[in-house]
Amino acid sequence: MCKVVLKTFNVEDEVYVKFSGYCKSRGLSMSKLVNMFMQSQIEEDPAVKKEYLERLDQIRNGKFIQVDSFSQRYGL
């Protein structure tokens, strides 16, 4: 059984805002992506790194639309 714990990290505001928008626009869970990244850094199991890298490839190869201003387009 995996225990989920709330943690606080210091992240630059600009980075957080951009990553949050990135995740929201693609329907992704920011927490899940951060968790997968952390696992990929500490696990010796190549399957974990493979899962993370495959997910990144899916994101990179996704269908995207050109947005000049995220806030104007989505009213944020």
PDB file of N, CA and C in Angstrom:
ATOM      1  N   MET A   1       0.836  -1.175   0.000  1.00  0.00           N
ATOM      2  CA  MET A   1       0.000   0.000   0.000  1.00  0.00           C
ATOM      3  C   MET A   1       0.880   1.237   0.000  1.00  0.00           C
ATOM      4  N   CYS A   2       0.540   2.184  -0.839  1.00  0.00           N
ATOM      5  CA  CYS A   2       1.340   3.384  -0.999  1.00  0.00           C
ATOM      6  C   CYS A   2       0.697   4.541  -0.242  1.00  0.00           C
ATOM      7  N   LYS A   3       1.451   5.167   0.625  1.00  0.00           N
ATOM      8  CA  LYS A   3       0.945   6.297   1.387  1.00  0.00           C
ATOM      9  C   LYS A   3       1.208   7.584   0.602  1.00  0.00           C
ATOM     10  N   VAL A   4       0.191   8.409   0.441  1.00  0.00           N
ATOM     11  CA  VAL A   4       0.333   9.685  -0.250  1.00  0.00           C
ATOM     12  C   VAL A   4       0.518  10.762   0.798  1.00  0.00           C
ATOM     13  N   VAL A   5       1.531  11.602   0.598  1.00  0.00           N
ATOM     14  CA  VAL A   5       1.864  12.635   1.565  1.00  0.00           C
ATOM     15  C   VAL A   5       1.897  13.985   0.868  1.00  0.00           C
ATOM     16  N   LEU A   6       1.342  14.998   1.510  1.00  0.00           N
ATOM     17  CA  LEU A   6       1.384  16.351   0.976  1.00  0.00           C
ATOM     18  C   LEU A   6       2.729  16.966   1.324  1.00  0.00           C
ATOM     19  N   LYS A   7       3.453  17.443   0.321  1.00  0.00           N
ATOM     20  CA  LYS A   7       4.758  18.058   0.513  1.00  0.00           C
ATOM     21  C   LYS A   7       4.752  19.451  -0.092  1.00  0.00           C
ATOM     22  N   THR A   8       5.613  20.292   0.398  1.00  0.00           N
ATOM     23  CA  THR A   8       5.742  21.648  -0.116  1.00  0.00           C
ATOM     24  C   THR A   8       7.115  21.798  -0.750  1.00  0.00           C
ATOM     25  N   PHE A   9       7.138  22.374  -1.945  1.00  0.00           N
ATOM     26  CA  PHE A   9       8.386  22.617  -2.649  1.00  0.00           C
ATOM     27  C   PHE A   9       8.453  24.087  -3.041  1.00  0.00           C
ATOM     28  N   ASN A  10       9.645  24.615  -3.088  1.00  0.00           N
ATOM     29  CA  ASN A  10       9.841  25.965  -3.589  1.00  0.00           C
ATOM     30  C   ASN A  10      10.112  25.882  -5.077  1.00  0.00           C
ATOM     31  N   VAL A  11       9.234  26.499  -5.845  1.00  0.00           N
ATOM     32  CA  VAL A  11       9.333  26.493  -7.294  1.00  0.00           C
ATOM     33  C   VAL A  11       9.148  27.924  -7.762  1.00  0.00           C
ATOM     34  N   GLU A  12       9.923  28.316  -8.751  1.00  0.00           N
ATOM     35  CA  GLU A  12       9.763  29.660  -9.298  1.00  0.00           C
ATOM     36  C   GLU A  12       8.344  29.826  -9.809  1.00  0.00           C
ATOM     37  N   ASP A  13       7.750  30.971  -9.510  1.00  0.00           N
ATOM     38  CA  ASP A  13       6.365  31.227  -9.877  1.00  0.00           C
ATOM     39  C   ASP A  13       6.134  31.065 -11.375  1.00  0.00           C
ATOM     40  N   GLU A  14       7.022  31.601 -12.180  1.00  0.00           N
ATOM     41  CA  GLU A  14       6.869  31.522 -13.637  1.00  0.00           C
ATOM     42  C   GLU A  14       6.873  30.073 -14.118  1.00  0.00           C
ATOM     43  N   VAL A  15       7.756  29.263 -13.551  1.00  0.00           N
ATOM     44  CA  VAL A  15       7.834  27.853 -13.918  1.00  0.00           C
ATOM     45  C   VAL A  15       6.541  27.142 -13.517  1.00  0.00           C
ATOM     46  N   TYR A  16       6.060  27.416 -12.306  1.00  0.00           N
ATOM     47  CA  TYR A  16       4.829  26.783 -11.832  1.00  0.00           C
ATOM     48  C   TYR A  16       3.642  27.143 -12.719  1.00  0.00           C
ATOM     49  N   VAL A  17       3.503  28.420 -13.034  1.00  0.00           N
ATOM     50  CA  VAL A  17       2.376  28.876 -13.851  1.00  0.00           C
ATOM     51  C   VAL A  17       2.414  28.216 -15.228  1.00  0.00           C
ATOM     52  N   LYS A  18       3.594  28.171 -15.843  1.00  0.00           N
ATOM     53  CA  LYS A  18       3.717  27.568 -17.169  1.00  0.00           C
ATOM     54  C   LYS A  18       3.434  26.066 -17.126  1.00  0.00           C
ATOM     55  N   PHE A  19       3.988  25.377 -16.123  1.00  0.00           N
ATOM     56  CA  PHE A  19       3.780  23.933 -16.020  1.00  0.00           C
ATOM     57  C   PHE A  19       2.323  23.615 -15.704  1.00  0.00           C
ATOM     58  N   SER A  20       1.712  24.423 -14.849  1.00  0.00           N
ATOM     59  CA  SER A  20       0.303  24.236 -14.522  1.00  0.00           C
ATOM     60  C   SER A  20      -0.566  24.393 -15.772  1.00  0.00           C
ATOM     61  N   GLY A  21      -0.308  25.417 -16.555  1.00  0.00           N
ATOM     62  CA  GLY A  21      -1.038  25.624 -17.805  1.00  0.00           C
ATOM     63  C   GLY A  21      -0.813  24.497 -18.785  1.00  0.00           C
ATOM     64  N   TYR A  22       0.427  24.034 -18.849  1.00  0.00           N
ATOM     65  CA  TYR A  22       0.789  22.916 -19.717  1.00  0.00           C
ATOM     66  C   TYR A  22      -0.027  21.679 -19.349  1.00  0.00           C
ATOM     67  N   CYS A  23      -0.079  21.367 -18.064  1.00  0.00           N
ATOM     68  CA  CYS A  23      -0.807  20.185 -17.602  1.00  0.00           C
ATOM     69  C   CYS A  23      -2.310  20.337 -17.841  1.00  0.00           C
ATOM     70  N   LYS A  24      -2.864  21.492 -17.505  1.00  0.00           N
ATOM     71  CA  LYS A  24      -4.301  21.725 -17.677  1.00  0.00           C
ATOM     72  C   LYS A  24      -4.705  21.623 -19.138  1.00  0.00           C
ATOM     73  N   SER A  25      -3.904  22.181 -20.027  1.00  0.00           N
ATOM     74  CA  SER A  25      -4.267  22.184 -21.441  1.00  0.00           C
ATOM     75  C   SER A  25      -4.240  20.782 -22.047  1.00  0.00           C
ATOM     76  N   ARG A  26      -3.544  19.864 -21.400  1.00  0.00           N
ATOM     77  CA  ARG A  26      -3.437  18.497 -21.910  1.00  0.00           C
ATOM     78  C   ARG A  26      -4.196  17.495 -21.055  1.00  0.00           C
ATOM     79  N   GLY A  27      -4.892  17.998 -20.038  1.00  0.00           N
ATOM     80  CA  GLY A  27      -5.662  17.113 -19.163  1.00  0.00           C
ATOM     81  C   GLY A  27      -4.795  16.200 -18.321  1.00  0.00           C
ATOM     82  N   LEU A  28      -3.624  16.689 -17.927  1.00  0.00           N
ATOM     83  CA  LEU A  28      -2.680  15.883 -17.161  1.00  0.00           C
ATOM     84  C   LEU A  28      -2.703  16.280 -15.689  1.00  0.00           C
ATOM     85  N   SER A  29      -2.374  15.358 -14.834  1.00  0.00           N
ATOM     86  CA  SER A  29      -2.249  15.629 -13.409  1.00  0.00           C
ATOM     87  C   SER A  29      -0.819  16.080 -13.121  1.00  0.00           C
ATOM     88  N   MET A  30      -0.689  17.314 -12.621  1.00  0.00           N
ATOM     89  CA  MET A  30       0.640  17.830 -12.291  1.00  0.00           C
ATOM     90  C   MET A  30       1.307  16.938 -11.244  1.00  0.00           C
ATOM     91  N   SER A  31       0.564  16.538 -10.236  1.00  0.00           N
ATOM     92  CA  SER A  31       1.119  15.693  -9.173  1.00  0.00           C
ATOM     93  C   SER A  31       1.618  14.361  -9.730  1.00  0.00           C
ATOM     94  N   LYS A  32       0.828  13.767 -10.635  1.00  0.00           N
ATOM     95  CA  LYS A  32       1.218  12.468 -11.219  1.00  0.00           C
ATOM     96  C   LYS A  32       2.512  12.617 -12.019  1.00  0.00           C
ATOM     97  N   LEU A  33       2.629  13.697 -12.796  1.00  0.00           N
ATOM     98  CA  LEU A  33       3.851  13.888 -13.585  1.00  0.00           C
ATOM     99  C   LEU A  33       5.065  14.125 -12.696  1.00  0.00           C
ATOM    100  N   VAL A  34       4.891  14.914 -11.638  1.00  0.00           N
ATOM    101  CA  VAL A  34       6.005  15.157 -10.710  1.00  0.00           C
ATOM    102  C   VAL A  34       6.393  13.851 -10.024  1.00  0.00           C
ATOM    103  N   ASN A  35       5.396  13.068  -9.612  1.00  0.00           N
ATOM    104  CA  ASN A  35       5.664  11.777  -8.977  1.00  0.00           C
ATOM    105  C   ASN A  35       6.419  10.843  -9.921  1.00  0.00           C
ATOM    106  N   MET A  36       5.967  10.773 -11.183  1.00  0.00           N
ATOM    107  CA  MET A  36       6.634   9.909 -12.163  1.00  0.00           C
ATOM    108  C   MET A  36       8.081  10.363 -12.390  1.00  0.00           C
ATOM    109  N   PHE A  37       8.290  11.682 -12.446  1.00  0.00           N
ATOM    110  CA  PHE A  37       9.645  12.196 -12.624  1.00  0.00           C
ATOM    111  C   PHE A  37      10.531  11.788 -11.443  1.00  0.00           C
ATOM    112  N   MET A  38      10.024  11.971 -10.230  1.00  0.00           N
ATOM    113  CA  MET A  38      10.809  11.623  -9.045  1.00  0.00           C
ATOM    114  C   MET A  38      11.126  10.129  -9.016  1.00  0.00           C
ATOM    115  N   GLN A  39      10.135   9.310  -9.344  1.00  0.00           N
ATOM    116  CA  GLN A  39      10.372   7.862  -9.394  1.00  0.00           C
ATOM    117  C   GLN A  39      11.445   7.529 -10.414  1.00  0.00           C
ATOM    118  N   SER A  40      11.391   8.171 -11.559  1.00  0.00           N
ATOM    119  CA  SER A  40      12.354   7.863 -12.617  1.00  0.00           C
ATOM    120  C   SER A  40      13.775   8.225 -12.204  1.00  0.00           C
ATOM    121  N   GLN A  41      13.904   9.169 -11.295  1.00  0.00           N
ATOM    122  CA  GLN A  41      15.232   9.584 -10.852  1.00  0.00           C
ATOM    123  C   GLN A  41      15.821   8.648  -9.811  1.00  0.00           C
ATOM    124  N   ILE A  42      14.982   7.987  -9.033  1.00  0.00           N
ATOM    125  CA  ILE A  42      15.499   7.170  -7.930  1.00  0.00           C
ATOM    126  C   ILE A  42      15.420   5.671  -8.156  1.00  0.00           C
ATOM    127  N   GLU A  43      14.550   5.241  -9.047  1.00  0.00           N
ATOM    128  CA  GLU A  43      14.363   3.818  -9.267  1.00  0.00           C
ATOM    129  C   GLU A  43      15.485   3.235 -10.109  1.00  0.00           C
ATOM    130  N   GLU A  44      15.894   2.066  -9.740  1.00  0.00           N
ATOM    131  CA  GLU A  44      16.870   1.347 -10.546  1.00  0.00           C
ATOM    132  C   GLU A  44      16.167   0.511 -11.603  1.00  0.00           C
ATOM    133  N   ASP A  45      14.876   0.332 -11.413  1.00  0.00           N
ATOM    134  CA  ASP A  45      14.089  -0.465 -12.340  1.00  0.00           C
ATOM    135  C   ASP A  45      13.926   0.294 -13.652  1.00  0.00           C
ATOM    136  N   PRO A  46      14.502  -0.210 -14.737  1.00  0.00           N
ATOM    137  CA  PRO A  46      14.414   0.496 -16.010  1.00  0.00           C
ATOM    138  C   PRO A  46      12.980   0.641 -16.521  1.00  0.00           C
ATOM    139  N   ALA A  47      12.059  -0.194 -16.022  1.00  0.00           N
ATOM    140  CA  ALA A  47      10.660  -0.087 -16.457  1.00  0.00           C
ATOM    141  C   ALA A  47      10.054   1.240 -16.012  1.00  0.00           C
ATOM    142  N   VAL A  48      10.445   1.725 -14.832  1.00  0.00           N
ATOM    143  CA  VAL A  48       9.917   2.996 -14.346  1.00  0.00           C
ATOM    144  C   VAL A  48      10.401   4.126 -15.243  1.00  0.00           C
ATOM    145  N   LYS A  49      11.696   4.131 -15.548  1.00  0.00           N
ATOM    146  CA  LYS A  49      12.216   5.159 -16.437  1.00  0.00           C
ATOM    147  C   LYS A  49      11.575   5.048 -17.814  1.00  0.00           C
ATOM    148  N   LYS A  50      11.376   3.820 -18.265  1.00  0.00           N
ATOM    149  CA  LYS A  50      10.763   3.604 -19.569  1.00  0.00           C
ATOM    150  C   LYS A  50       9.342   4.163 -19.581  1.00  0.00           C
ATOM    151  N   GLU A  51       8.571   3.898 -18.513  1.00  0.00           N
ATOM    152  CA  GLU A  51       7.194   4.409 -18.420  1.00  0.00           C
ATOM    153  C   GLU A  51       7.193   5.939 -18.478  1.00  0.00           C
ATOM    154  N   TYR A  52       8.097   6.553 -17.738  1.00  0.00           N
ATOM    155  CA  TYR A  52       8.182   8.015 -17.721  1.00  0.00           C
ATOM    156  C   TYR A  52       8.549   8.552 -19.103  1.00  0.00           C
ATOM    157  N   LEU A  53       9.538   7.956 -19.726  1.00  0.00           N
ATOM    158  CA  LEU A  53       9.978   8.412 -21.044  1.00  0.00           C
ATOM    159  C   LEU A  53       8.902   8.189 -22.106  1.00  0.00           C
ATOM    160  N   GLU A  54       8.174   7.075 -22.008  1.00  0.00           N
ATOM    161  CA  GLU A  54       7.076   6.830 -22.947  1.00  0.00           C
ATOM    162  C   GLU A  54       5.988   7.886 -22.783  1.00  0.00           C
ATOM    163  N   ARG A  55       5.687   8.244 -21.538  1.00  0.00           N
ATOM    164  CA  ARG A  55       4.667   9.272 -21.287  1.00  0.00           C
ATOM    165  C   ARG A  55       5.136  10.617 -21.860  1.00  0.00           C
ATOM    166  N   LEU A  56       6.403  10.938 -21.680  1.00  0.00           N
ATOM    167  CA  LEU A  56       6.935  12.176 -22.259  1.00  0.00           C
ATOM    168  C   LEU A  56       6.821  12.166 -23.774  1.00  0.00           C
ATOM    169  N   ASP A  57       7.115  11.033 -24.391  1.00  0.00           N
ATOM    170  CA  ASP A  57       6.988  10.922 -25.849  1.00  0.00           C
ATOM    171  C   ASP A  57       5.544  11.119 -26.292  1.00  0.00           C
ATOM    172  N   GLN A  58       4.600  10.560 -25.544  1.00  0.00           N
ATOM    173  CA  GLN A  58       3.188  10.748 -25.873  1.00  0.00           C
ATOM    174  C   GLN A  58       2.823  12.228 -25.816  1.00  0.00           C
ATOM    175  N   ILE A  59       3.321  12.900 -24.809  1.00  0.00           N
ATOM    176  CA  ILE A  59       3.041  14.332 -24.670  1.00  0.00           C
ATOM    177  C   ILE A  59       3.674  15.100 -25.825  1.00  0.00           C
ATOM    178  N   ARG A  60       4.925  14.823 -26.097  1.00  0.00           N
ATOM    179  CA  ARG A  60       5.633  15.538 -27.167  1.00  0.00           C
ATOM    180  C   ARG A  60       5.007  15.307 -28.535  1.00  0.00           C
ATOM    181  N   ASN A  61       4.502  14.116 -28.772  1.00  0.00           N
ATOM    182  CA  ASN A  61       3.931  13.764 -30.065  1.00  0.00           C
ATOM    183  C   ASN A  61       2.430  14.029 -30.150  1.00  0.00           C
ATOM    184  N   GLY A  62       1.881  14.665 -29.130  1.00  0.00           N
ATOM    185  CA  GLY A  62       0.453  14.934 -29.104  1.00  0.00           C
ATOM    186  C   GLY A  62       0.038  15.950 -30.154  1.00  0.00           C
ATOM    187  N   LYS A  63      -1.268  16.037 -30.345  1.00  0.00           N
ATOM    188  CA  LYS A  63      -1.811  17.020 -31.272  1.00  0.00           C
ATOM    189  C   LYS A  63      -1.941  18.341 -30.536  1.00  0.00           C
ATOM    190  N   PHE A  64      -1.287  19.352 -31.033  1.00  0.00           N
ATOM    191  CA  PHE A  64      -1.269  20.640 -30.373  1.00  0.00           C
ATOM    192  C   PHE A  64      -1.842  21.709 -31.285  1.00  0.00           C
ATOM    193  N   ILE A  65      -2.354  22.737 -30.683  1.00  0.00           N
ATOM    194  CA  ILE A  65      -2.800  23.895 -31.436  1.00  0.00           C
ATOM    195  C   ILE A  65      -1.889  25.061 -31.090  1.00  0.00           C
ATOM    196  N   GLN A  66      -1.657  25.931 -32.048  1.00  0.00           N
ATOM    197  CA  GLN A  66      -0.809  27.099 -31.820  1.00  0.00           C
ATOM    198  C   GLN A  66      -1.595  28.116 -31.002  1.00  0.00           C
ATOM    199  N   VAL A  67      -1.047  28.532 -29.881  1.00  0.00           N
ATOM    200  CA  VAL A  67      -1.680  29.529 -29.033  1.00  0.00           C
ATOM    201  C   VAL A  67      -0.670  30.640 -28.788  1.00  0.00           C
ATOM    202  N   ASP A  68      -1.008  31.841 -29.214  1.00  0.00           N
ATOM    203  CA  ASP A  68      -0.111  32.976 -28.991  1.00  0.00           C
ATOM    204  C   ASP A  68      -0.200  33.466 -27.559  1.00  0.00           C
ATOM    205  N   SER A  69      -1.399  33.513 -27.018  1.00  0.00           N
ATOM    206  CA  SER A  69      -1.581  33.951 -25.637  1.00  0.00           C
ATOM    207  C   SER A  69      -2.554  33.001 -24.954  1.00  0.00           C
ATOM    208  N   PHE A  70      -2.040  32.184 -24.065  1.00  0.00           N
ATOM    209  CA  PHE A  70      -2.852  31.204 -23.351  1.00  0.00           C
ATOM    210  C   PHE A  70      -3.960  31.894 -22.579  1.00  0.00           C
ATOM    211  N   SER A  71      -3.618  32.981 -21.887  1.00  0.00           N
ATOM    212  CA  SER A  71      -4.618  33.669 -21.057  1.00  0.00           C
ATOM    213  C   SER A  71      -5.714  34.297 -21.889  1.00  0.00           C
ATOM    214  N   GLN A  72      -5.382  34.841 -23.055  1.00  0.00           N
ATOM    215  CA  GLN A  72      -6.409  35.409 -23.910  1.00  0.00           C
ATOM    216  C   GLN A  72      -7.300  34.324 -24.491  1.00  0.00           C
ATOM    217  N   ARG A  73      -6.705  33.251 -24.920  1.00  0.00           N
ATOM    218  CA  ARG A  73      -7.468  32.161 -25.536  1.00  0.00           C
ATOM    219  C   ARG A  73      -8.409  31.489 -24.540  1.00  0.00           C
ATOM    220  N   TYR A  74      -7.918  31.255 -23.316  1.00  0.00           N
ATOM    221  CA  TYR A  74      -8.687  30.494 -22.345  1.00  0.00           C
ATOM    222  C   TYR A  74      -9.244  31.341 -21.195  1.00  0.00           C
ATOM    223  N   GLY A  75      -9.041  32.656 -21.276  1.00  0.00           N
ATOM    224  CA  GLY A  75      -9.633  33.554 -20.303  1.00  0.00           C
ATOM    225  C   GLY A  75      -9.103  33.396 -18.881  1.00  0.00           C
ATOM    226  N   LEU A  76      -7.830  33.103 -18.761  1.00  0.00           N
ATOM    227  CA  LEU A  76      -7.228  32.952 -17.435  1.00  0.00           C
ATOM    228  C   LEU A  76      -6.465  34.186 -17.065  1.00  0.00           C
TER     229      LEU A  76
END
